[in-house]
C-alpha atoms as a PDB file:
ATOM      1  CA  MET A   1      -7.795 -13.713 -25.080  1.00  0.00           C
ATOM      2  CA  HIS A   2      -7.046 -17.315 -25.723  1.00  0.00           C
ATOM      3  CA  PRO A   3      -7.248 -19.116 -21.650  1.00  0.00           C
ATOM      4  CA  GLN A   4      -4.691 -20.820 -21.116  1.00  0.00           C
ATOM      5  CA  PRO A   5      -4.358 -24.831 -20.163  1.00  0.00           C
ATOM      6  CA  SER A   6      -4.401 -25.322 -16.239  1.00  0.00           C
ATOM      7  CA  ASP A   7      -2.514 -27.931 -14.201  1.00  0.00           C
ATOM      8  CA  HIS A   8      -5.649 -29.813 -14.794  1.00  0.00           C
ATOM      9  CA  ALA A   9      -6.112 -30.444 -18.590  1.00  0.00           C
ATOM     10  CA  PHE A  10      -6.476 -33.606 -19.239  1.00  0.00           C
ATOM     11  CA  GLU A  11      -3.379 -36.037 -19.792  1.00  0.00           C
ATOM     12  CA  LEU A  12      -3.532 -39.026 -21.879  1.00  0.00           C
ATOM     13  CA  GLY A  13      -1.137 -42.046 -23.177  1.00  0.00           C
ATOM     14  CA  ARG A  14       1.237 -42.173 -20.390  1.00  0.00           C
ATOM     15  CA  ASP A  15       1.409 -45.579 -20.258  1.00  0.00           C
ATOM     16  CA  GLU A  16       4.673 -46.157 -21.840  1.00  0.00           C
ATOM     17  CA  GLY A  17       3.928 -50.001 -22.493  1.00  0.00           C
ATOM     18  CA  PRO A  18       6.669 -53.322 -22.534  1.00  0.00           C
ATOM     19  CA  GLU A  19       9.827 -52.799 -23.797  1.00  0.00           C
ATOM     20  CA  PRO A  20      10.326 -53.766 -27.541  1.00  0.00           C
ATOM     21  CA  THR A  21      11.041 -56.571 -29.015  1.00  0.00           C
ATOM     22  CA  VAL A  22      12.806 -57.381 -32.022  1.00  0.00           C
ATOM     23  CA  PHE A  23      11.354 -60.691 -33.762  1.00  0.00           C
ATOM     24  CA  LEU A  24      13.907 -62.986 -36.013  1.00  0.00           C
ATOM     25  CA  VAL A  25      12.888 -64.333 -38.792  1.00  0.00           C
ATOM     26  CA  ASP A  26      15.096 -66.790 -41.268  1.00  0.00           C
ATOM     27  CA  ASP A  27      15.452 -70.100 -42.467  1.00  0.00           C
ATOM     28  CA  HIS A  28      18.895 -69.829 -42.069  1.00  0.00           C
ATOM     29  CA  GLU A  29      20.773 -70.328 -38.708  1.00  0.00           C
ATOM     30  CA  VAL A  30      24.322 -68.704 -39.267  1.00  0.00           C
ATOM     31  CA  GLU A  31      22.091 -65.714 -40.407  1.00  0.00           C
ATOM     32  CA  LEU A  32      19.307 -65.889 -37.669  1.00  0.00           C
ATOM     33  CA  ASP A  33      22.624 -65.944 -35.164  1.00  0.00           C
ATOM     34  CA  LEU A  34      24.403 -63.044 -36.210  1.00  0.00           C
ATOM     35  CA  MET A  35      21.320 -61.565 -36.172  1.00  0.00           C
ATOM     36  CA  GLN A  36      20.929 -61.869 -32.849  1.00  0.00           C
ATOM     37  CA  ARG A  37      23.911 -61.346 -31.576  1.00  0.00           C
ATOM     38  CA  TRP A  38      23.860 -57.790 -32.871  1.00  0.00           C
ATOM     39  CA  CYS A  39      20.678 -56.845 -31.495  1.00  0.00           C
ATOM     40  CA  GLN A  40      21.941 -58.021 -28.360  1.00  0.00           C
ATOM     41  CA  ARG A  41      24.642 -56.541 -27.839  1.00  0.00           C
ATOM     42  CA  ALA A  42      22.275 -53.287 -29.319  1.00  0.00           C
ATOM     43  CA  GLY A  43      20.066 -53.506 -25.647  1.00  0.00           C
ATOM     44  CA  PHE A  44      17.711 -55.265 -27.655  1.00  0.00           C
ATOM     45  CA  ASP A  45      15.134 -58.387 -26.438  1.00  0.00           C
ATOM     46  CA  THR A  46      15.111 -61.084 -29.481  1.00  0.00           C
ATOM     47  CA  GLN A  47      12.867 -63.716 -30.674  1.00  0.00           C
ATOM     48  CA  ILE A  48      13.670 -66.080 -32.916  1.00  0.00           C
ATOM     49  CA  PHE A  49      12.159 -68.308 -35.381  1.00  0.00           C
ATOM     50  CA  GLY A  50      12.872 -70.445 -38.280  1.00  0.00           C
ATOM     51  CA  ASP A  51       9.593 -70.427 -39.473  1.00  0.00           C
ATOM     52  CA  PRO A  52       7.585 -67.817 -40.134  1.00  0.00           C
ATOM     53  CA  LEU A  53       4.203 -69.859 -39.539  1.00  0.00           C
ATOM     54  CA  GLU A  54       6.288 -69.991 -36.033  1.00  0.00           C
ATOM     55  CA  LEU A  55       6.048 -65.878 -35.201  1.00  0.00           C
ATOM     56  CA  LEU A  56       2.205 -65.884 -36.490  1.00  0.00           C
ATOM     57  CA  GLU A  57       1.601 -68.242 -33.935  1.00  0.00           C
ATOM     58  CA  ALA A  58       3.624 -66.204 -31.161  1.00  0.00           C
ATOM     59  CA  ILE A  59       2.802 -62.769 -32.045  1.00  0.00           C
ATOM     60  CA  ASP A  60       0.216 -60.929 -31.096  1.00  0.00           C
ATOM     61  CA  VAL A  61      -1.799 -57.207 -31.354  1.00  0.00           C
ATOM     62  CA  ASP A  62      -0.046 -56.217 -28.738  1.00  0.00           C
ATOM     63  CA  ALA A  63       3.248 -56.905 -29.805  1.00  0.00           C
ATOM     64  CA  VAL A  64       5.981 -53.722 -29.391  1.00  0.00           C
ATOM     65  CA  GLY A  65       9.100 -53.359 -31.533  1.00  0.00           C
ATOM     66  CA  CYS A  66       9.529 -54.752 -35.409  1.00  0.00           C
ATOM     67  CA  VAL A  67      10.149 -58.043 -37.179  1.00  0.00           C
ATOM     68  CA  VAL A  68      13.019 -58.485 -39.211  1.00  0.00           C
ATOM     69  CA  ALA A  69      12.597 -61.226 -41.410  1.00  0.00           C
ATOM     70  CA  ASP A  70      14.168 -63.062 -44.812  1.00  0.00           C
ATOM     71  CA  LEU A  71      12.305 -62.256 -47.788  1.00  0.00           C
ATOM     72  CA  ARG A  72      13.264 -66.537 -49.211  1.00  0.00           C
ATOM     73  CA  MET A  73      12.240 -68.484 -46.873  1.00  0.00           C
ATOM     74  CA  PRO A  74      10.400 -72.157 -47.471  1.00  0.00           C
ATOM     75  CA  ARG A  75       7.100 -72.281 -46.999  1.00  0.00           C
ATOM     76  CA  ILE A  76       6.136 -68.505 -46.950  1.00  0.00           C
ATOM     77  CA  SER A  77       7.638 -65.701 -48.446  1.00  0.00           C
ATOM     78  CA  GLY A  78       8.836 -62.141 -46.045  1.00  0.00           C
ATOM     79  CA  LEU A  79       6.260 -60.672 -48.357  1.00  0.00           C
ATOM     80  CA  GLU A  80       3.178 -63.211 -47.785  1.00  0.00           C
ATOM     81  CA  LEU A  81       4.570 -63.435 -43.998  1.00  0.00           C
ATOM     82  CA  GLN A  82       3.610 -58.913 -43.895  1.00  0.00           C
ATOM     83  CA  ALA A  83       0.290 -59.631 -45.617  1.00  0.00           C
ATOM     84  CA  LYS A  84      -0.493 -61.826 -42.852  1.00  0.00           C
ATOM     85  CA  MET A  85       0.041 -59.569 -40.815  1.00  0.00           C
ATOM     86  CA  ALA A  86      -1.489 -56.832 -42.137  1.00  0.00           C
ATOM     87  CA  GLN A  87      -4.614 -59.050 -42.434  1.00  0.00           C
ATOM     88  CA  ARG A  88      -4.599 -60.049 -38.376  1.00  0.00           C
ATOM     89  CA  ASP A  89      -4.448 -56.199 -37.715  1.00  0.00           C
ATOM     90  CA  LEU A  90      -0.455 -56.345 -36.683  1.00  0.00           C
ATOM     91  CA  VAL A  91       0.615 -52.674 -37.112  1.00  0.00           C
ATOM     92  CA  ILE A  92       4.266 -53.800 -35.924  1.00  0.00           C
ATOM     93  CA  PRO A  93       6.669 -52.836 -38.532  1.00  0.00           C
ATOM     94  CA  VAL A  94       8.346 -55.482 -40.969  1.00  0.00           C
ATOM     95  CA  ILE A  95      11.975 -55.102 -42.330  1.00  0.00           C
ATOM     96  CA  LEU A  96      12.559 -57.571 -45.564  1.00  0.00           C
ATOM     97  CA  VAL A  97      16.404 -59.139 -45.802  1.00  0.00           C
ATOM     98  CA  THR A  98      16.841 -60.197 -49.106  1.00  0.00           C
ATOM     99  CA  GLY A  99      20.213 -61.670 -51.444  1.00  0.00           C
ATOM    100  CA  HIS A 100      18.316 -61.653 -54.162  1.00  0.00           C
ATOM    101  CA  GLY A 101      17.194 -57.706 -53.944  1.00  0.00           C
ATOM    102  CA  ASP A 102      15.459 -56.329 -57.048  1.00  0.00           C
ATOM    103  CA  ALA A 103      13.452 -53.445 -57.825  1.00  0.00           C
ATOM    104  CA  GLU A 104      10.419 -55.182 -58.155  1.00  0.00           C
ATOM    105  CA  ASN A 105      10.402 -56.663 -55.136  1.00  0.00           C
ATOM    106  CA  CYS A 106      11.373 -53.286 -53.222  1.00  0.00           C
ATOM    107  CA  ARG A 107       8.798 -51.432 -55.229  1.00  0.00           C
ATOM    108  CA  THR A 108       6.479 -54.515 -54.114  1.00  0.00           C
ATOM    109  CA  ALA A 109       7.464 -54.532 -50.455  1.00  0.00           C
ATOM    110  CA  PHE A 110       7.171 -50.810 -49.949  1.00  0.00           C
ATOM    111  CA  GLN A 111       3.712 -50.697 -51.299  1.00  0.00           C
ATOM    112  CA  GLN A 112       2.597 -53.669 -49.508  1.00  0.00           C
ATOM    113  CA  GLY A 113       3.754 -51.254 -46.322  1.00  0.00           C
ATOM    114  CA  VAL A 114       6.542 -52.720 -45.486  1.00  0.00           C
ATOM    115  CA  PHE A 115       8.896 -50.429 -43.377  1.00  0.00           C
ATOM    116  CA  ASP A 116      12.935 -51.279 -44.905  1.00  0.00           C
ATOM    117  CA  PHE A 117      13.795 -53.515 -47.423  1.00  0.00           C
ATOM    118  CA  ILE A 118      17.383 -54.268 -47.396  1.00  0.00           C
ATOM    119  CA  GLU A 119      19.971 -57.133 -49.091  1.00  0.00           C
ATOM    120  CA  LYS A 120      22.125 -59.203 -47.374  1.00  0.00           C
ATOM    121  CA  GLY A 121      25.966 -57.805 -46.955  1.00  0.00           C
ATOM    122  CA  PHE A 122      25.120 -55.303 -44.605  1.00  0.00           C
ATOM    123  CA  ASP A 123      26.688 -54.422 -41.552  1.00  0.00           C
ATOM    124  CA  SER A 124      25.860 -54.286 -37.985  1.00  0.00           C
ATOM    125  CA  VAL A 125      25.969 -50.518 -37.865  1.00  0.00           C
ATOM    126  CA  GLN A 126      23.081 -50.652 -41.154  1.00  0.00           C
ATOM    127  CA  PHE A 127      20.912 -52.890 -39.233  1.00  0.00           C
ATOM    128  CA  ILE A 128      20.631 -51.924 -36.072  1.00  0.00           C
ATOM    129  CA  ASP A 129      19.831 -48.133 -37.634  1.00  0.00           C
ATOM    130  CA  SER A 130      17.261 -49.966 -39.513  1.00  0.00           C
ATOM    131  CA  VAL A 131      15.552 -51.965 -36.642  1.00  0.00           C
ATOM    132  CA  GLU A 132      15.864 -48.459 -34.446  1.00  0.00           C
ATOM    133  CA  ARG A 133      13.624 -46.618 -37.074  1.00  0.00           C
ATOM    134  CA  ALA A 134      11.296 -49.108 -37.065  1.00  0.00           C
ATOM    135  CA  ILE A 135      10.842 -49.806 -33.378  1.00  0.00           C
ATOM    136  CA  ARG A 136      10.617 -45.806 -33.163  1.00  0.00           C
ATOM    137  CA  LYS A 137       7.820 -45.584 -35.729  1.00  0.00           C
ATOM    138  CA  ASN A 138       6.115 -48.696 -33.708  1.00  0.00           C
ATOM    139  CA  GLN A 139       6.244 -46.499 -30.455  1.00  0.00           C
ATOM    140  CA  ARG A 140       4.931 -43.713 -31.923  1.00  0.00           C
ATOM    141  CA  GLU A 141       1.812 -45.285 -33.725  1.00  0.00           C
ATOM    142  CA  ARG A 142       1.364 -47.213 -30.426  1.00  0.00           C
ATOM    143  CA  PHE A 143       1.353 -43.900 -28.128  1.00  0.00           C
ATOM    144  CA  ARG A 144      -1.147 -42.145 -31.161  1.00  0.00           C
ATOM    145  CA  HIS A 145      -3.185 -44.768 -30.975  1.00  0.00           C
ATOM    146  CA  GLN A 146      -3.517 -45.230 -27.075  1.00  0.00           C
ATOM    147  CA  VAL A 147      -4.090 -41.251 -26.808  1.00  0.00           C
ATOM    148  CA  ARG A 148      -7.195 -41.538 -29.523  1.00  0.00           C
ATOM    149  CA  ARG A 149      -9.086 -44.206 -28.412  1.00  0.00           C
ATOM    150  CA  GLU A 150      -8.654 -42.893 -24.763  1.00  0.00           C
ATOM    151  CA  ALA A 151      -9.424 -39.744 -26.029  1.00  0.00           C
ATOM    152  CA  ARG A 152     -12.643 -41.020 -27.793  1.00  0.00           C
ATOM    153  CA  SER A 153     -13.644 -42.453 -24.694  1.00  0.00           C
ATOM    154  CA  LEU A 154     -13.883 -39.558 -22.812  1.00  0.00           C
ATOM    155  CA  LEU A 155     -15.664 -38.279 -25.780  1.00  0.00           C
ATOM    156  CA  GLU A 156     -18.656 -40.631 -25.790  1.00  0.00           C
ATOM    157  CA  THR A 157     -19.596 -39.751 -21.930  1.00  0.00           C
ATOM    158  CA  ILE A 158     -21.503 -36.506 -23.391  1.00  0.00           C
ATOM    159  CA  SER A 159     -24.543 -36.577 -25.089  1.00  0.00           C
ATOM    160  CA  LYS A 160     -25.393 -35.760 -28.505  1.00  0.00           C
ATOM    161  CA  ARG A 161     -26.646 -32.269 -27.523  1.00  0.00           C
ATOM    162  CA  GLU A 162     -23.370 -32.037 -25.982  1.00  0.00           C
ATOM    163  CA  HIS A 163     -21.129 -33.183 -28.524  1.00  0.00           C
ATOM    164  CA  GLU A 164     -22.919 -30.429 -30.960  1.00  0.00           C
ATOM    165  CA  VAL A 165     -21.863 -27.660 -28.289  1.00  0.00           C
ATOM    166  CA  VAL A 166     -18.061 -29.407 -28.267  1.00  0.00           C
ATOM    167  CA  LEU A 167     -17.678 -28.589 -31.702  1.00  0.00           C
ATOM    168  CA  LEU A 168     -18.834 -24.995 -31.628  1.00  0.00           C
ATOM    169  CA  LEU A 169     -17.218 -24.393 -28.564  1.00  0.00           C
ATOM    170  CA  ALA A 170     -14.013 -25.664 -30.254  1.00  0.00           C
ATOM    171  CA  ASN A 171     -14.529 -23.889 -33.309  1.00  0.00           C
ATOM    172  CA  GLY A 172     -14.371 -20.212 -31.128  1.00  0.00           C
ATOM    173  CA  MET A 173     -17.727 -19.901 -30.722  1.00  0.00           C
ATOM    174  CA  PRO A 174     -19.117 -17.818 -27.372  1.00  0.00           C
ATOM    175  CA  LEU A 175     -22.438 -18.991 -25.388  1.00  0.00           C
ATOM    176  CA  LYS A 176     -24.301 -16.258 -27.226  1.00  0.00           C
ATOM    177  CA  GLY A 177     -23.868 -17.698 -30.554  1.00  0.00           C
ATOM    178  CA  ILE A 178     -24.173 -20.913 -29.353  1.00  0.00           C
ATOM    179  CA  ALA A 179     -27.309 -20.336 -27.815  1.00  0.00           C
ATOM    180  CA  HIS A 180     -28.287 -18.385 -31.455  1.00  0.00           C
ATOM    181  CA  GLU A 181     -26.955 -21.574 -33.420  1.00  0.00           C
ATOM    182  CA  LEU A 182     -29.065 -23.934 -31.532  1.00  0.00           C
ATOM    183  CA  LYS A 183     -32.127 -21.985 -30.403  1.00  0.00           C
ATOM    184  CA  ILE A 184     -31.598 -22.888 -26.971  1.00  0.00           C
ATOM    185  CA  SER A 185     -30.696 -19.726 -24.239  1.00  0.00           C
ATOM    186  CA  VAL A 186     -27.814 -18.924 -22.687  1.00  0.00           C
ATOM    187  CA  GLN A 187     -27.837 -20.163 -19.676  1.00  0.00           C
ATOM    188  CA  THR A 188     -28.985 -24.163 -21.194  1.00  0.00           C
ATOM    189  CA  ALA A 189     -25.261 -23.013 -23.475  1.00  0.00           C
ATOM    190  CA  SER A 190     -23.919 -22.446 -20.157  1.00  0.00           C
ATOM    191  CA  LYS A 191     -25.038 -25.247 -18.490  1.00  0.00           C
ATOM    192  CA  HIS A 192     -24.435 -27.750 -21.333  1.00  0.00           C
ATOM    193  CA  ARG A 193     -20.435 -26.302 -21.193  1.00  0.00           C
ATOM    194  CA  SER A 194     -20.327 -27.061 -17.665  1.00  0.00           C
ATOM    195  CA  SER A 195     -21.623 -30.213 -18.004  1.00  0.00           C
ATOM    196  CA  ILE A 196     -19.301 -31.178 -20.812  1.00  0.00           C
ATOM    197  CA  PHE A 197     -15.927 -29.612 -19.046  1.00  0.00           C
ATOM    198  CA  THR A 198     -17.207 -31.774 -15.613  1.00  0.00           C
ATOM    199  CA  LYS A 199     -17.623 -35.240 -17.938  1.00  0.00           C
ATOM    200  CA  LEU A 200     -14.449 -34.681 -19.932  1.00  0.00           C
ATOM    201  CA  ASN A 201     -12.432 -33.249 -16.848  1.00  0.00           C
ATOM    202  CA  ILE A 202     -11.384 -30.337 -18.493  1.00  0.00           C
ATOM    203  CA  ASP A 203     -11.403 -26.680 -17.453  1.00  0.00           C
ATOM    204  CA  ASN A 204     -11.584 -24.352 -20.550  1.00  0.00           C
ATOM    205  CA  GLU A 205     -11.925 -24.226 -24.616  1.00  0.00           C
ATOM    206  CA  VAL A 206      -7.903 -25.223 -25.033  1.00  0.00           C
ATOM    207  CA  ASP A 207      -8.094 -28.501 -23.132  1.00  0.00           C
ATOM    208  CA  LEU A 208     -11.243 -29.063 -25.159  1.00  0.00           C
ATOM    209  CA  TYR A 209      -9.311 -27.999 -28.183  1.00  0.00           C
ATOM    210  CA  LYS A 210      -6.515 -30.714 -27.539  1.00  0.00           C
ATOM    211  CA  LEU A 211      -8.897 -33.269 -26.447  1.00  0.00           C
ATOM    212  CA  LEU A 212     -10.390 -33.155 -29.774  1.00  0.00           C
ATOM    213  CA  LEU A 213      -7.244 -33.112 -31.340  1.00  0.00           C
ATOM    214  CA  ALA A 214      -6.010 -36.296 -29.967  1.00  0.00           C
ATOM    215  CA  ALA A 215      -9.269 -38.270 -30.227  1.00  0.00           C
ATOM    216  CA  GLU A 216      -8.966 -37.270 -34.269  1.00  0.00           C
ATOM    217  CA  VAL A 217     -12.132 -36.361 -34.627  1.00  0.00           C
ATOM    218  CA  SER A 218     -13.854 -33.697 -37.210  1.00  0.00           C
ATOM    219  CA  LEU A 219     -13.724 -29.893 -36.311  1.00  0.00           C
ATOM    220  CA  GLU A 220     -16.591 -29.139 -38.319  1.00  0.00           C
ATOM    221  CA  PRO A 221     -19.844 -28.265 -36.346  1.00  0.00           C
ATOM    222  CA  GLU A 222     -23.235 -31.208 -37.106  1.00  0.00           C
ATOM    223  CA  VAL A 223     -25.771 -28.750 -36.385  1.00  0.00           C
ATOM    224  CA  GLU A 224     -28.896 -30.332 -36.693  1.00  0.00           C
ATOM    225  CA  GLN A 225     -31.074 -28.085 -39.560  1.00  0.00           C
END
């Protein structure tokens, strides 16, 4: 019978983070104004840029939301903007807008990691739908990265031997089996288990398994030969 999670099970990733912002980049003021009005009507905060290089100076790795950029701009293209953002580990989704869409541009954009590719002439419903999907994707990824970072930080508090015990516990091995596998006494294995639960602030193997999944670590045992 598997133990049930207790009220003291670890809780990670509760920080909801800042409100999302739609970063609009276009060298045409009329297009910027139209997209900004659509975003504001939908309740989104916006920042507008007539030059993609200005966006690169203003945005940081903690930005939440999405970027909507024209594909064809004088200094650098929307694709080049996305590439520069990727080089800086800016994972915020990018939507490219163009009046000159073609299959090759679409293929290149998606291969490069662009979230969406829409042609000018779209209506506000199509535009806001793309923006909302991009923001949801960004929030999910941000939450997952936060949970993973916090879980891994917890796991760094245990010793190498305790890490071996963790992996065996997570794979359902009883204390007697762990003692045999690691060539230690059952009493020592039990002490390791207690120490692990205390350091990780968990109560049972179910909590431990959830923590390891959150940390996205391999559950394969790493026992010394």
